[in-house]
Protein backbone atom coordinates (compact mmCIF):
# COMPACT_ATOMS: atom_id res chain seq x y z
CA MET A 1 -18.71 5.02 -17.41
CA PRO A 2 -16.36 4.98 -14.72
CA ARG A 3 -13.63 2.16 -14.21
CA GLY A 4 -15.23 -1.10 -12.48
CA LYS A 5 -18.62 -0.34 -12.64
CA VAL A 6 -21.60 -2.57 -13.83
CA GLY A 7 -25.25 -1.27 -13.84
CA GLY A 8 -23.77 1.54 -11.77
CA LYS A 9 -22.33 0.05 -9.41
CA TYR A 10 -18.49 -0.51 -8.58
CA ASP A 11 -17.45 -3.99 -9.40
CA ARG A 12 -13.71 -4.70 -8.48
CA ARG A 13 -13.66 -7.84 -10.98
CA MET A 14 -13.91 -5.29 -13.97
CA SER A 15 -10.37 -3.69 -12.85
CA PHE A 16 -7.07 -4.13 -11.90
CA ASP A 17 -7.63 -2.60 -8.61
CA ASP A 18 -7.10 -5.67 -6.63
CA VAL A 19 -3.97 -6.69 -8.39
CA LYS A 20 -0.91 -5.60 -6.44
CA ASP A 21 1.72 -7.54 -8.30
CA GLU A 22 3.25 -4.57 -10.43
CA ARG A 23 4.54 -6.67 -12.67
CA MET A 24 1.34 -8.26 -13.67
CA LEU A 25 0.19 -4.96 -14.15
CA MET A 26 3.06 -3.91 -16.19
CA MET A 27 2.11 -6.74 -18.63
CA VAL A 28 -1.77 -5.35 -18.47
CA ASP A 29 -0.49 -2.21 -19.61
CA LYS A 30 1.84 -3.47 -22.52
CA LEU A 31 -1.17 -5.82 -23.53
CA CYS A 32 -3.36 -2.62 -23.58
CA VAL A 33 -0.75 -0.68 -25.83
CA TRP A 34 -0.18 -3.53 -28.14
CA MET A 35 -4.06 -4.52 -28.62
CA GLY A 36 -4.99 -0.92 -28.97
CA GLY A 37 -2.33 -0.08 -31.25
CA ILE A 38 -3.56 -2.98 -33.69
CA LEU A 39 -7.07 -2.49 -33.30
CA GLU A 40 -7.15 1.42 -33.12
CA GLU A 41 -9.00 1.60 -29.83
CA THR A 42 -7.93 3.37 -26.50
CA LEU A 43 -7.22 0.42 -24.23
CA ASN A 44 -6.04 0.80 -20.59
CA ARG A 45 -6.25 -1.14 -17.06
CA GLU A 46 -9.90 0.55 -16.42
CA ASN A 47 -11.58 -0.40 -19.83
CA LEU A 48 -9.84 -3.20 -20.77
CA ILE A 49 -12.39 -6.09 -19.16
CA PRO A 50 -15.47 -4.00 -20.21
CA GLN A 51 -14.20 -3.53 -23.69
CA ILE A 52 -13.20 -6.98 -24.64
CA ARG A 53 -15.99 -8.75 -22.67
CA ASN A 54 -18.86 -9.48 -25.50
CA GLY A 55 -15.82 -11.09 -27.46
CA VAL A 56 -16.01 -8.47 -30.63
CA LEU A 57 -12.59 -6.86 -29.98
CA MET A 58 -10.90 -10.07 -29.74
CA CYS A 59 -12.39 -11.55 -32.83
CA ARG A 60 -11.33 -8.53 -34.67
CA LEU A 61 -7.52 -8.93 -33.15
CA ALA A 62 -7.60 -12.34 -34.27
CA THR A 63 -9.04 -11.36 -38.04
CA VAL A 64 -5.85 -9.05 -38.22
CA ILE A 65 -3.37 -11.61 -36.55
CA GLN A 66 -4.43 -13.93 -39.20
CA GLU A 67 -3.31 -12.16 -41.72
CA SER A 68 0.17 -12.31 -40.55
CA VAL A 69 -0.40 -15.97 -39.94
CA ASP A 70 -1.41 -16.46 -43.82
CA ASP A 71 1.58 -14.86 -44.96
CA TYR A 72 3.92 -16.54 -42.62
CA THR A 73 2.14 -20.04 -43.42
CA SER A 74 2.41 -19.09 -47.27
CA LYS A 75 6.52 -18.43 -46.77
CA ASN A 76 7.01 -21.30 -44.58
CA ASP A 77 6.75 -25.01 -45.75
CA GLU A 78 7.14 -26.21 -42.12
CA ALA A 79 5.08 -23.53 -40.22
CA GLY A 80 3.22 -26.43 -39.12
CA PRO A 81 -0.42 -26.70 -38.24
CA LEU A 82 -2.01 -22.82 -37.91
CA PRO A 83 -5.35 -21.36 -38.09
CA ARG A 84 -6.96 -20.95 -41.99
CA LYS A 85 -9.07 -18.49 -41.07
CA ALA A 86 -10.29 -16.10 -38.38
CA PRO A 87 -13.26 -16.37 -36.24
CA GLN A 88 -16.15 -16.01 -38.65
CA ASN A 89 -19.87 -14.48 -38.67
CA PHE A 90 -19.33 -13.10 -35.12
CA SER A 91 -21.74 -10.67 -33.76
CA GLN A 92 -20.79 -7.56 -33.50
CA ASP A 93 -23.24 -5.70 -31.40
CA CYS A 94 -24.29 -7.66 -28.57
CA SER A 95 -24.28 -7.36 -24.80
CA ASN A 96 -22.01 -8.68 -22.68
CA ARG A 97 -23.88 -11.89 -21.25
CA SER A 98 -25.56 -12.60 -24.15
CA MET A 99 -25.56 -15.82 -25.95
CA GLU A 100 -23.85 -14.13 -28.76
CA ALA A 101 -21.03 -12.84 -26.47
CA ARG A 102 -20.42 -16.42 -25.41
CA GLU A 103 -20.22 -17.58 -29.03
CA ASN A 104 -17.81 -14.70 -29.75
CA VAL A 105 -15.60 -15.78 -27.23
CA MET A 106 -15.77 -19.60 -27.93
CA LYS A 107 -14.83 -18.60 -31.60
CA PHE A 108 -11.87 -16.71 -30.26
CA LEU A 109 -10.62 -19.52 -28.12
CA THR A 110 -10.91 -21.96 -30.92
CA TRP A 111 -9.02 -20.00 -33.12
CA ALA A 112 -6.21 -19.33 -30.34
CA ARG A 113 -6.13 -23.32 -30.04
CA GLU A 114 -5.60 -23.48 -33.48
CA LEU A 115 -2.87 -20.81 -33.33
CA ARG A 116 -1.26 -23.40 -31.21
CA VAL A 117 -1.73 -21.28 -27.63
CA PRO A 118 -0.97 -24.03 -25.21
CA GLU A 119 -4.16 -25.65 -23.57
CA SER A 120 -2.87 -24.33 -20.05
CA SER A 121 -2.82 -20.72 -21.20
CA ILE A 122 -6.83 -20.90 -22.54
CA PHE A 123 -8.97 -19.20 -19.92
CA SER A 124 -12.60 -20.55 -19.66
CA PRO A 125 -15.22 -18.35 -21.12
CA ASP A 126 -16.81 -17.78 -17.72
CA ASP A 127 -13.20 -16.02 -16.81
CA LEU A 128 -14.49 -13.11 -18.89
CA LEU A 129 -18.29 -13.83 -19.16
CA LYS A 130 -18.86 -13.92 -15.72
CA LEU A 131 -15.60 -12.46 -14.72
CA LYS A 132 -14.46 -15.04 -12.66
CA GLY A 133 -10.84 -14.62 -13.68
CA LYS A 134 -9.54 -11.22 -15.47
CA MET A 135 -5.87 -12.48 -14.95
CA ASN A 136 -6.49 -15.78 -16.78
CA VAL A 137 -7.91 -13.54 -19.86
CA VAL A 138 -5.01 -11.37 -19.99
CA ASN A 139 -2.63 -14.51 -19.75
CA THR A 140 -4.28 -15.78 -22.90
CA LEU A 141 -4.28 -12.56 -24.74
CA LEU A 142 -0.36 -12.10 -24.00
CA ALA A 143 -0.22 -16.11 -25.11
CA VAL A 144 -1.79 -15.02 -28.49
CA ALA A 145 0.65 -11.85 -28.83
CA ARG A 146 3.73 -14.65 -28.21
CA ARG A 147 2.30 -16.83 -31.14
CA ALA A 148 1.73 -13.54 -33.23
CA LYS A 149 5.25 -12.74 -32.87
CA ASP A 150 6.13 -16.27 -33.89
CA CYS A 151 4.26 -15.73 -36.85
CA GLY A 152 6.56 -12.44 -37.78
CA MET A 153 3.91 -9.96 -36.27
CA ALA A 154 5.35 -7.08 -34.28
CA ALA A 155 4.63 -7.70 -30.72
CA ASP A 156 6.49 -5.89 -28.52
CA ILE A 157 5.47 -7.65 -25.05
CA ASP A 158 7.84 -9.40 -22.92
CA ALA A 159 5.37 -11.65 -21.83
CA PRO A 160 5.99 -14.07 -18.93
CA PRO A 161 5.00 -17.95 -19.54
CA LYS A 162 1.97 -19.33 -17.61
CA ILE A 163 2.20 -19.88 -13.85
CA ALA A 164 -1.24 -19.69 -12.36
CA ASN A 165 -1.44 -23.72 -12.65
CA ALA A 166 2.01 -23.77 -11.05
CA PHE A 167 1.37 -22.09 -7.92
CA LYS A 168 -2.06 -23.96 -7.97
CA GLY A 169 -0.17 -26.95 -7.33
CA LEU A 170 2.41 -25.26 -4.72
CA GLU A 171 -0.83 -24.44 -2.99
CA GLU A 172 -1.98 -28.02 -3.25
CA LYS A 173 1.38 -29.24 -1.86
CA PHE A 174 2.24 -26.58 1.03
CA GLY A 175 -1.06 -25.15 1.84
CA LYS A 176 -2.78 -21.91 2.16
CA LYS A 177 0.42 -20.10 2.63
CA PHE A 178 0.67 -20.19 -1.47
CA GLU A 179 -3.26 -19.48 -1.23
CA HIS A 180 -2.65 -15.67 -2.38
CA THR A 181 0.01 -16.08 -4.88
CA ALA A 182 -2.53 -18.68 -6.59
CA THR A 183 -5.56 -16.33 -6.62
CA ALA A 184 -3.74 -13.43 -7.79
CA PHE A 185 -3.78 -14.95 -11.05
CA GLY A 186 -7.51 -15.03 -11.50
CA GLY A 187 -8.93 -14.87 -8.21
CA GLN A 188 -10.33 -12.01 -6.19
CA LYS A 189 -7.67 -12.03 -2.88
CA SER A 190 -5.75 -9.36 -1.98
CA ALA A 191 -2.08 -10.29 -2.76
CA LEU A 192 0.46 -10.14 0.53
CA LYS A 193 2.76 -7.17 0.67
CA SER A 194 5.99 -8.10 -1.65
CA THR A 195 9.24 -8.25 -0.14
CA THR A 196 12.77 -7.91 -1.74
CA MET A 197 15.34 -10.40 -0.90
CA THR A 198 18.37 -12.16 -2.30
CA LEU A 199 17.77 -16.06 -2.43
CA SER A 200 20.83 -18.16 -1.81
CA ALA A 201 21.26 -21.59 -4.08
CA THR A 202 19.89 -23.67 -1.13
CA SER A 203 17.51 -21.41 0.49
CA ALA A 204 13.82 -23.23 0.53
CA TRP A 205 12.45 -20.27 -1.67
CA LYS A 206 15.33 -21.27 -4.16
CA VAL A 207 14.29 -24.62 -4.15
CA VAL A 208 10.43 -23.71 -4.75
CA GLN A 209 11.68 -21.47 -7.44
CA GLN A 210 13.59 -24.26 -9.02
CA LYS A 211 10.55 -26.48 -9.23
CA ILE A 212 8.25 -23.83 -10.61
CA ASP A 213 10.68 -24.01 -13.54
CA LEU A 214 10.25 -27.38 -13.84
CA ILE A 215 6.75 -26.96 -14.03
CA LEU A 216 6.66 -24.61 -16.56
CA GLN A 217 8.93 -26.53 -18.92
CA LEU A 218 7.44 -30.14 -18.24
CA ARG A 219 3.82 -29.82 -20.47
CA GLY A 220 1.29 -32.01 -19.03
CA LYS A 221 3.29 -33.46 -16.19
CA PRO A 222 1.29 -33.28 -12.56
CA SER A 223 3.00 -31.06 -10.05
CA TYR A 224 2.53 -33.32 -7.46
CA GLU A 225 4.94 -35.70 -9.15
CA ILE A 226 7.55 -33.09 -10.06
CA PHE A 227 7.50 -32.09 -6.16
CA ARG A 228 8.21 -35.79 -5.04
CA ALA A 229 11.81 -35.30 -6.42
C-alpha cells in the first residue's frame, strides 16, 4: 500500500510529509535503520507508522533489547531496577485498531517504563493507535534506543532529548507564536519556514534557548516556575 494510505485514501498522519524540520526527519531515518537492522525488517519514513501501529514490532523490539538488559544486569550489581522480562503473550496477528493492538502497545509502554524511559518521553496509546501524535511515538522509540545503549546494546542514534513539553510550556507562556513549534512534535500543523541566524548571548532567542535547557534538565519542575526566573 502506498505511503500514508488507509483504506485506499491518503492519510497524512501515517506519513512524515508534514514534518518540515530536517533534524527530526534525520532522527526518523536513524530510528528506521536501527529498528530495521535489529528486527530484520525494511523500515523507512513511508512505512514506519503503518508497520508498528499494532504494537507487534515494538514488542519484538523489546524482546531483543531484553537480552542485552539481562546480560547487563548480570554483570552490574548496581544496575538499578530494570525489566526482568520482555512483553509476554502479545498478539502477533491483529488489526491496527483492535483491542489486541491496544494491549500490545500498552505492554510495550509498561516495559519501556520499567526500562526507565522518562515518563515525559512516553507516548499516549492514542498517539499511535489513533494517529494523534506520530512524533511522540518516534520520541519514545528514540528514548528506548538511548536506554538500550546504556545497557550495552549497539545503538548508533544521536538522539535529542524530549523537547515537546518544553515547547508546550513556551506556547502557554508566549502565545500562538510558539504554536507551530509545539505542534511539530506530535501535531498536524505545518511548521514555519526555518531561518538560519547567529544568536548573540543577550538576544531574546538565546534567552529562550537557555530556558528550554533548564526545562530539559529539571525533571518534574513546571515550566511556568522556570520562566518566572
